[in-house]
Amino acid sequence: MNATPWQEALDDLLSSAINQAPLDEALSQVAELTVIDPSYHEEVIGALDVAIGLAEHGSVEMLPAINKSGYGASDANSAHLLLCHVRKVYLEELLKVRKLRAPDDLGS
């Protein structure tokens, strides 16, 4: 069975970025990339939003990506909690990156 685009994006986000560093550091790096490439931001938020929505409805489709990443989730509820936390931290880091970059952008 082929993975959907949101599953691939979630898997990439969780396995290649997040498990390589503490969550806030990893998501700060992701935020840096998404400021440079806004389409990547849409991909990250889109994948998280789809996975969160599915988890809210009891789906466990996101568990393989979560568990492969080194984080653990055993059911839809634990997946929902984790993904909401990831989304919250990502958006906080994105705001920090944007604030840090704002003076540079004014001179451009």
N, C-alpha and C. Protein backbone atom coordinates (compact mmCIF):
# COMPACT_ATOMS: atom_id res chain seq x y z
N MET A 1 0.84 -1.18 0.00
CA MET A 1 0.00 0.00 0.00
C MET A 1 0.88 1.25 0.00
N ASN A 2 0.62 2.15 -0.92
CA ASN A 2 1.41 3.37 -1.03
C ASN A 2 0.96 4.39 0.00
N ALA A 3 1.93 5.13 0.51
CA ALA A 3 1.64 6.19 1.47
C ALA A 3 1.05 7.39 0.74
N THR A 4 0.16 8.08 1.41
CA THR A 4 -0.42 9.30 0.86
C THR A 4 0.59 10.44 1.08
N PRO A 5 0.41 11.56 0.38
CA PRO A 5 1.34 12.68 0.56
C PRO A 5 1.45 13.15 2.02
N TRP A 6 0.34 13.21 2.75
CA TRP A 6 0.43 13.66 4.14
C TRP A 6 1.21 12.65 4.98
N GLN A 7 1.05 11.35 4.68
CA GLN A 7 1.79 10.33 5.43
C GLN A 7 3.29 10.43 5.15
N GLU A 8 3.64 10.65 3.90
CA GLU A 8 5.05 10.81 3.55
C GLU A 8 5.64 12.05 4.22
N ALA A 9 4.90 13.15 4.19
CA ALA A 9 5.38 14.39 4.82
C ALA A 9 5.52 14.23 6.32
N LEU A 10 4.56 13.57 6.95
CA LEU A 10 4.63 13.34 8.39
C LEU A 10 5.80 12.42 8.72
N ASP A 11 5.98 11.39 7.95
CA ASP A 11 7.10 10.47 8.16
C ASP A 11 8.43 11.21 8.02
N ASP A 12 8.56 12.03 6.99
CA ASP A 12 9.79 12.81 6.79
C ASP A 12 10.03 13.75 7.96
N LEU A 13 8.98 14.46 8.36
CA LEU A 13 9.11 15.41 9.46
C LEU A 13 9.54 14.71 10.74
N LEU A 14 8.88 13.63 11.08
CA LEU A 14 9.15 12.96 12.34
C LEU A 14 10.46 12.19 12.33
N SER A 15 10.74 11.48 11.25
CA SER A 15 11.92 10.62 11.27
C SER A 15 13.21 11.32 10.88
N SER A 16 13.15 12.24 9.95
CA SER A 16 14.40 12.86 9.50
C SER A 16 14.76 14.11 10.28
N ALA A 17 13.80 14.77 10.85
CA ALA A 17 14.11 16.01 11.56
C ALA A 17 14.00 15.84 13.06
N ILE A 18 12.87 15.42 13.51
CA ILE A 18 12.58 15.49 14.94
C ILE A 18 13.38 14.51 15.77
N ASN A 19 13.64 13.32 15.27
CA ASN A 19 14.36 12.38 16.13
C ASN A 19 15.86 12.63 16.15
N GLN A 20 16.34 13.65 15.46
CA GLN A 20 17.76 13.94 15.41
C GLN A 20 18.22 14.91 16.49
N ALA A 21 17.28 15.55 17.18
CA ALA A 21 17.62 16.58 18.18
C ALA A 21 16.45 16.74 19.13
N PRO A 22 16.66 17.47 20.24
CA PRO A 22 15.51 17.78 21.09
C PRO A 22 14.41 18.44 20.26
N LEU A 23 13.18 18.24 20.65
CA LEU A 23 12.04 18.68 19.85
C LEU A 23 12.10 20.15 19.47
N ASP A 24 12.35 21.03 20.42
CA ASP A 24 12.37 22.45 20.08
C ASP A 24 13.49 22.80 19.12
N GLU A 25 14.66 22.20 19.28
CA GLU A 25 15.77 22.45 18.36
C GLU A 25 15.46 21.93 16.96
N ALA A 26 14.93 20.73 16.90
CA ALA A 26 14.61 20.14 15.60
C ALA A 26 13.54 20.96 14.88
N LEU A 27 12.52 21.38 15.63
CA LEU A 27 11.45 22.15 15.00
C LEU A 27 11.89 23.56 14.67
N SER A 28 12.88 24.08 15.37
CA SER A 28 13.45 25.37 15.00
C SER A 28 14.15 25.25 13.64
N GLN A 29 14.84 24.15 13.42
CA GLN A 29 15.48 23.92 12.13
C GLN A 29 14.44 23.76 11.02
N VAL A 30 13.36 23.06 11.32
CA VAL A 30 12.27 22.93 10.35
C VAL A 30 11.69 24.32 10.06
N ALA A 31 11.49 25.12 11.10
CA ALA A 31 10.96 26.47 10.92
C ALA A 31 11.87 27.31 10.03
N GLU A 32 13.18 27.19 10.23
CA GLU A 32 14.14 27.91 9.37
C GLU A 32 13.91 27.54 7.90
N LEU A 33 13.75 26.27 7.65
CA LEU A 33 13.52 25.81 6.27
C LEU A 33 12.20 26.32 5.72
N THR A 34 11.17 26.34 6.55
CA THR A 34 9.86 26.75 6.05
C THR A 34 9.78 28.25 5.81
N VAL A 35 10.61 29.03 6.49
CA VAL A 35 10.66 30.47 6.21
C VAL A 35 11.29 30.68 4.83
N ILE A 36 12.28 29.89 4.53
CA ILE A 36 12.94 29.98 3.22
C ILE A 36 12.03 29.44 2.11
N ASP A 37 11.30 28.37 2.43
CA ASP A 37 10.44 27.71 1.44
C ASP A 37 9.02 27.59 2.00
N PRO A 38 8.18 28.60 1.77
CA PRO A 38 6.82 28.58 2.32
C PRO A 38 5.99 27.35 1.91
N SER A 39 6.31 26.76 0.78
CA SER A 39 5.55 25.56 0.39
C SER A 39 5.85 24.40 1.34
N TYR A 40 7.05 24.39 1.92
CA TYR A 40 7.38 23.36 2.90
C TYR A 40 6.57 23.58 4.18
N HIS A 41 6.35 24.84 4.54
CA HIS A 41 5.49 25.14 5.69
C HIS A 41 4.10 24.56 5.46
N GLU A 42 3.56 24.78 4.28
CA GLU A 42 2.23 24.25 3.96
C GLU A 42 2.22 22.72 4.05
N GLU A 43 3.29 22.10 3.61
CA GLU A 43 3.40 20.64 3.68
C GLU A 43 3.44 20.16 5.13
N VAL A 44 4.23 20.83 5.96
CA VAL A 44 4.36 20.45 7.37
C VAL A 44 3.03 20.64 8.09
N ILE A 45 2.44 21.82 7.97
CA ILE A 45 1.17 22.10 8.65
C ILE A 45 0.07 21.20 8.10
N GLY A 46 0.06 21.01 6.80
CA GLY A 46 -0.95 20.15 6.19
C GLY A 46 -0.89 18.72 6.72
N ALA A 47 0.32 18.18 6.79
CA ALA A 47 0.49 16.81 7.29
C ALA A 47 0.07 16.71 8.75
N LEU A 48 0.49 17.67 9.55
CA LEU A 48 0.11 17.66 10.96
C LEU A 48 -1.40 17.80 11.13
N ASP A 49 -2.00 18.71 10.39
CA ASP A 49 -3.44 18.93 10.52
C ASP A 49 -4.25 17.71 10.09
N VAL A 50 -3.85 17.07 9.01
CA VAL A 50 -4.56 15.86 8.58
C VAL A 50 -4.42 14.77 9.63
N ALA A 51 -3.19 14.56 10.09
CA ALA A 51 -2.96 13.50 11.09
C ALA A 51 -3.71 13.79 12.39
N ILE A 52 -3.70 15.04 12.82
CA ILE A 52 -4.43 15.41 14.04
C ILE A 52 -5.93 15.18 13.85
N GLY A 53 -6.44 15.60 12.72
CA GLY A 53 -7.87 15.39 12.43
C GLY A 53 -8.26 13.93 12.42
N LEU A 54 -7.42 13.11 11.81
CA LEU A 54 -7.70 11.67 11.78
C LEU A 54 -7.64 11.08 13.19
N ALA A 55 -6.65 11.50 13.95
CA ALA A 55 -6.53 10.99 15.33
C ALA A 55 -7.75 11.40 16.16
N GLU A 56 -8.25 12.61 15.94
CA GLU A 56 -9.45 13.06 16.66
C GLU A 56 -10.63 12.14 16.40
N HIS A 57 -10.65 11.52 15.23
CA HIS A 57 -11.75 10.64 14.85
C HIS A 57 -11.41 9.16 15.08
N GLY A 58 -10.34 8.90 15.82
CA GLY A 58 -10.02 7.54 16.20
C GLY A 58 -9.14 6.76 15.24
N SER A 59 -8.70 7.39 14.16
CA SER A 59 -7.83 6.70 13.21
C SER A 59 -6.42 6.53 13.80
N VAL A 60 -5.78 5.46 13.40
CA VAL A 60 -4.41 5.22 13.84
C VAL A 60 -3.44 5.17 12.65
N GLU A 61 -3.84 5.76 11.54
CA GLU A 61 -3.01 5.74 10.33
C GLU A 61 -1.65 6.39 10.52
N MET A 62 -1.53 7.27 11.50
CA MET A 62 -0.29 8.00 11.71
C MET A 62 0.67 7.27 12.65
N LEU A 63 0.22 6.20 13.28
CA LEU A 63 1.06 5.50 14.24
C LEU A 63 2.38 4.99 13.66
N PRO A 64 2.39 4.42 12.45
CA PRO A 64 3.68 3.97 11.92
C PRO A 64 4.72 5.09 11.83
N ALA A 65 4.32 6.26 11.38
CA ALA A 65 5.27 7.38 11.28
C ALA A 65 5.74 7.82 12.66
N ILE A 66 4.83 7.88 13.60
CA ILE A 66 5.19 8.29 14.96
C ILE A 66 6.15 7.29 15.59
N ASN A 67 5.79 6.03 15.52
CA ASN A 67 6.60 5.01 16.18
C ASN A 67 7.94 4.79 15.49
N LYS A 68 7.99 4.97 14.19
CA LYS A 68 9.25 4.87 13.45
C LYS A 68 10.22 5.98 13.86
N SER A 69 9.67 7.11 14.27
CA SER A 69 10.50 8.27 14.60
C SER A 69 11.21 8.16 15.93
N GLY A 70 10.81 7.22 16.75
CA GLY A 70 11.38 7.11 18.08
C GLY A 70 10.45 7.63 19.15
N TYR A 71 9.45 8.38 18.74
CA TYR A 71 8.39 8.77 19.67
C TYR A 71 7.44 7.59 19.76
N GLY A 72 6.66 7.53 20.79
CA GLY A 72 5.76 6.41 20.93
C GLY A 72 4.32 6.85 21.06
N ALA A 73 3.46 6.15 20.37
CA ALA A 73 2.02 6.35 20.51
C ALA A 73 1.38 4.98 20.31
N SER A 74 0.48 4.66 21.20
CA SER A 74 -0.14 3.33 21.14
C SER A 74 -1.56 3.36 20.63
N ASP A 75 -2.14 4.54 20.56
CA ASP A 75 -3.53 4.66 20.12
C ASP A 75 -3.77 6.06 19.56
N ALA A 76 -4.99 6.27 19.08
CA ALA A 76 -5.32 7.56 18.47
C ALA A 76 -5.20 8.71 19.47
N ASN A 77 -5.58 8.49 20.71
CA ASN A 77 -5.51 9.56 21.70
C ASN A 77 -4.07 9.99 21.97
N SER A 78 -3.18 9.03 22.17
CA SER A 78 -1.78 9.39 22.43
C SER A 78 -1.14 10.02 21.19
N ALA A 79 -1.54 9.57 20.01
CA ALA A 79 -1.05 10.19 18.78
C ALA A 79 -1.54 11.63 18.68
N HIS A 80 -2.80 11.84 19.01
CA HIS A 80 -3.38 13.18 18.96
C HIS A 80 -2.63 14.12 19.89
N LEU A 81 -2.39 13.69 21.12
CA LEU A 81 -1.67 14.52 22.08
C LEU A 81 -0.27 14.87 21.59
N LEU A 82 0.44 13.88 21.09
CA LEU A 82 1.79 14.11 20.59
C LEU A 82 1.79 15.06 19.40
N LEU A 83 0.93 14.82 18.44
CA LEU A 83 0.92 15.64 17.23
C LEU A 83 0.48 17.08 17.52
N CYS A 84 -0.45 17.26 18.44
CA CYS A 84 -0.84 18.62 18.84
C CYS A 84 0.34 19.33 19.49
N HIS A 85 1.10 18.61 20.29
CA HIS A 85 2.29 19.19 20.92
C HIS A 85 3.33 19.56 19.86
N VAL A 86 3.57 18.67 18.92
CA VAL A 86 4.53 18.95 17.84
C VAL A 86 4.09 20.19 17.07
N ARG A 87 2.81 20.28 16.74
CA ARG A 87 2.28 21.42 16.00
C ARG A 87 2.48 22.72 16.79
N LYS A 88 2.16 22.69 18.07
CA LYS A 88 2.29 23.87 18.95
C LYS A 88 3.75 24.33 19.01
N VAL A 89 4.66 23.40 19.24
CA VAL A 89 6.07 23.75 19.35
C VAL A 89 6.60 24.26 18.00
N TYR A 90 6.19 23.62 16.92
CA TYR A 90 6.61 24.07 15.59
C TYR A 90 6.18 25.53 15.36
N LEU A 91 4.93 25.84 15.65
CA LEU A 91 4.43 27.20 15.43
C LEU A 91 5.13 28.21 16.33
N GLU A 92 5.44 27.82 17.57
CA GLU A 92 6.20 28.70 18.46
C GLU A 92 7.59 28.97 17.89
N GLU A 93 8.24 27.92 17.40
CA GLU A 93 9.57 28.09 16.82
C GLU A 93 9.52 28.91 15.54
N LEU A 94 8.47 28.73 14.77
CA LEU A 94 8.31 29.51 13.54
C LEU A 94 8.17 30.99 13.86
N LEU A 95 7.42 31.34 14.88
CA LEU A 95 7.29 32.74 15.29
C LEU A 95 8.64 33.31 15.72
N LYS A 96 9.41 32.53 16.46
CA LYS A 96 10.75 32.99 16.89
C LYS A 96 11.64 33.26 15.68
N VAL A 97 11.64 32.33 14.73
CA VAL A 97 12.47 32.48 13.54
C VAL A 97 12.05 33.71 12.75
N ARG A 98 10.75 33.88 12.59
CA ARG A 98 10.26 35.05 11.83
C ARG A 98 10.63 36.35 12.52
N LYS A 99 10.57 36.39 13.85
CA LYS A 99 10.94 37.61 14.58
C LYS A 99 12.42 37.90 14.42
N LEU A 100 13.24 36.85 14.46
CA LEU A 100 14.68 37.03 14.29
C LEU A 100 15.04 37.49 12.89
N ARG A 101 14.29 37.03 11.91
CA ARG A 101 14.58 37.37 10.53
C ARG A 101 13.99 38.71 10.10
N ALA A 102 13.03 39.22 10.83
CA ALA A 102 12.31 40.44 10.44
C ALA A 102 13.25 41.61 10.16
N PRO A 103 14.23 41.91 11.02
CA PRO A 103 15.12 43.05 10.71
C PRO A 103 15.89 42.85 9.40
N ASP A 104 16.32 41.62 9.13
CA ASP A 104 17.01 41.35 7.87
C ASP A 104 16.12 41.61 6.67
N ASP A 105 14.86 41.21 6.82
CA ASP A 105 13.93 41.35 5.70
C ASP A 105 13.63 42.83 5.41
N LEU A 106 13.70 43.69 6.43
CA LEU A 106 13.43 45.11 6.21
C LEU A 106 14.50 45.77 5.34
N GLY A 107 15.71 45.27 5.43
CA GLY A 107 16.80 45.85 4.64
C GLY A 107 16.86 45.35 3.22
N SER A 108 16.05 44.38 2.89
CA SER A 108 16.10 43.79 1.54
C SER A 108 15.38 44.63 0.53
